[in-house]
Amino acid sequence: MTTDWGPAVVAVGLFILLSPGLLFQLPARTRVVEFGNMYTSGISIIVHAILYFCIYTILVIAFHVHILAG
């Protein structure tokens, strides 16, 4: 029996990369985009969640990312 780890790996990677304030924050407090400021706001959480969902959907459903193990 094989296990498909592709969706889990993509989800964890995107969660780390798209955490608001870690690499970038969109929208920021003073500008449209700030990089590495380690702050967050409610609207930036919503924007990053929408980006996360869109990129995850494209990678997992449209590109069929699969990592088979076992």
C-alpha atoms as a PDB file:
ATOM      1  CA  MET A   1       0.000   0.000   0.000  1.00  0.00           C
ATOM      2  CA  THR A   2       1.451   3.367  -1.013  1.00  0.00           C
ATOM      3  CA  THR A   3       0.918   6.637   0.786  1.00  0.00           C
ATOM      4  CA  ASP A   4       0.742   9.938  -1.079  1.00  0.00           C
ATOM      5  CA  TRP A   5       2.764  12.507   0.878  1.00  0.00           C
ATOM      6  CA  GLY A   6       2.628  15.206  -1.810  1.00  0.00           C
ATOM      7  CA  PRO A   7      -0.340  17.200  -0.460  1.00  0.00           C
ATOM      8  CA  ALA A   8       1.030  17.094   3.103  1.00  0.00           C
ATOM      9  CA  VAL A   9       4.503  18.265   2.066  1.00  0.00           C
ATOM     10  CA  VAL A  10       3.044  21.076  -0.060  1.00  0.00           C
ATOM     11  CA  ALA A  11       0.736  22.151   2.790  1.00  0.00           C
ATOM     12  CA  VAL A  12       3.529  22.303   5.379  1.00  0.00           C
ATOM     13  CA  GLY A  13       5.914  24.087   3.021  1.00  0.00           C
ATOM     14  CA  LEU A  14       3.355  26.698   2.032  1.00  0.00           C
ATOM     15  CA  PHE A  15       2.314  27.199   5.648  1.00  0.00           C
ATOM     16  CA  ILE A  16       5.900  28.011   6.597  1.00  0.00           C
ATOM     17  CA  LEU A  17       6.574  30.213   3.576  1.00  0.00           C
ATOM     18  CA  LEU A  18       3.277  32.108   3.666  1.00  0.00           C
ATOM     19  CA  SER A  19       3.122  32.844   7.385  1.00  0.00           C
ATOM     20  CA  PRO A  20       2.415  36.602   7.553  1.00  0.00           C
ATOM     21  CA  GLY A  21       5.489  38.541   8.625  1.00  0.00           C
ATOM     22  CA  LEU A  22       7.992  35.693   8.264  1.00  0.00           C
ATOM     23  CA  LEU A  23       9.208  36.347   4.715  1.00  0.00           C
ATOM     24  CA  PHE A  24       6.796  39.095   3.727  1.00  0.00           C
ATOM     25  CA  GLN A  25       3.542  40.681   4.808  1.00  0.00           C
ATOM     26  CA  LEU A  26       0.876  41.715   2.337  1.00  0.00           C
ATOM     27  CA  PRO A  27      -0.650  44.299   3.091  1.00  0.00           C
ATOM     28  CA  ALA A  28       1.709  45.761   5.660  1.00  0.00           C
ATOM     29  CA  ARG A  29       1.092  48.446   8.270  1.00  0.00           C
ATOM     30  CA  THR A  30       2.878  51.308   6.508  1.00  0.00           C
ATOM     31  CA  ARG A  31       3.356  50.015   2.932  1.00  0.00           C
ATOM     32  CA  VAL A  32       1.763  47.538   0.586  1.00  0.00           C
ATOM     33  CA  VAL A  33       4.492  44.922   1.157  1.00  0.00           C
ATOM     34  CA  GLU A  34       7.076  44.632   3.926  1.00  0.00           C
ATOM     35  CA  PHE A  35       9.733  41.944   4.142  1.00  0.00           C
ATOM     36  CA  GLY A  36      10.745  40.136   7.354  1.00  0.00           C
ATOM     37  CA  ASN A  37       9.038  42.491   9.800  1.00  0.00           C
ATOM     38  CA  MET A  38       7.655  39.687  12.063  1.00  0.00           C
ATOM     39  CA  TYR A  39       4.398  41.599  12.672  1.00  0.00           C
ATOM     40  CA  THR A  40       0.926  40.696  11.476  1.00  0.00           C
ATOM     41  CA  SER A  41      -2.606  42.030  11.258  1.00  0.00           C
ATOM     42  CA  GLY A  42      -6.046  40.590  10.663  1.00  0.00           C
ATOM     43  CA  ILE A  43      -6.256  41.675   7.041  1.00  0.00           C
ATOM     44  CA  SER A  44      -2.817  40.256   6.250  1.00  0.00           C
ATOM     45  CA  ILE A  45      -3.872  36.914   7.753  1.00  0.00           C
ATOM     46  CA  ILE A  46      -6.891  36.850   5.432  1.00  0.00           C
ATOM     47  CA  VAL A  47      -4.793  37.800   2.389  1.00  0.00           C
ATOM     48  CA  HIS A  48      -2.175  35.149   3.173  1.00  0.00           C
ATOM     49  CA  ALA A  49      -4.891  32.510   3.743  1.00  0.00           C
ATOM     50  CA  ILE A  50      -6.374  33.271   0.319  1.00  0.00           C
ATOM     51  CA  LEU A  51      -2.907  33.085  -1.278  1.00  0.00           C
ATOM     52  CA  TYR A  52      -2.277  29.790   0.556  1.00  0.00           C
ATOM     53  CA  PHE A  53      -5.535  28.258  -0.683  1.00  0.00           C
ATOM     54  CA  CYS A  54      -4.966  29.378  -4.287  1.00  0.00           C
ATOM     55  CA  ILE A  55      -1.354  28.172  -4.506  1.00  0.00           C
ATOM     56  CA  TYR A  56      -2.174  24.888  -2.719  1.00  0.00           C
ATOM     57  CA  THR A  57      -5.077  24.224  -5.078  1.00  0.00           C
ATOM     58  CA  ILE A  58      -2.954  24.925  -8.144  1.00  0.00           C
ATOM     59  CA  LEU A  59      -0.082  22.706  -6.996  1.00  0.00           C
ATOM     60  CA  VAL A  60      -2.086  19.749  -5.701  1.00  0.00           C
ATOM     61  CA  ILE A  61      -5.055  19.634  -8.066  1.00  0.00           C
ATOM     62  CA  ALA A  62      -3.836  21.220 -11.305  1.00  0.00           C
ATOM     63  CA  PHE A  63      -0.206  20.019 -11.276  1.00  0.00           C
ATOM     64  CA  HIS A  64      -0.920  16.702  -9.471  1.00  0.00           C
ATOM     65  CA  VAL A  65       1.973  16.897  -7.022  1.00  0.00           C
ATOM     66  CA  HIS A  66       2.584  13.363  -5.676  1.00  0.00           C
ATOM     67  CA  ILE A  67       5.255  11.892  -3.418  1.00  0.00           C
ATOM     68  CA  LEU A  68       4.661   8.170  -3.060  1.00  0.00           C
ATOM     69  CA  ALA A  69       6.175   6.252  -0.161  1.00  0.00           C
ATOM     70  CA  GLY A  70       5.860   2.774   1.118  1.00  0.00           C
END
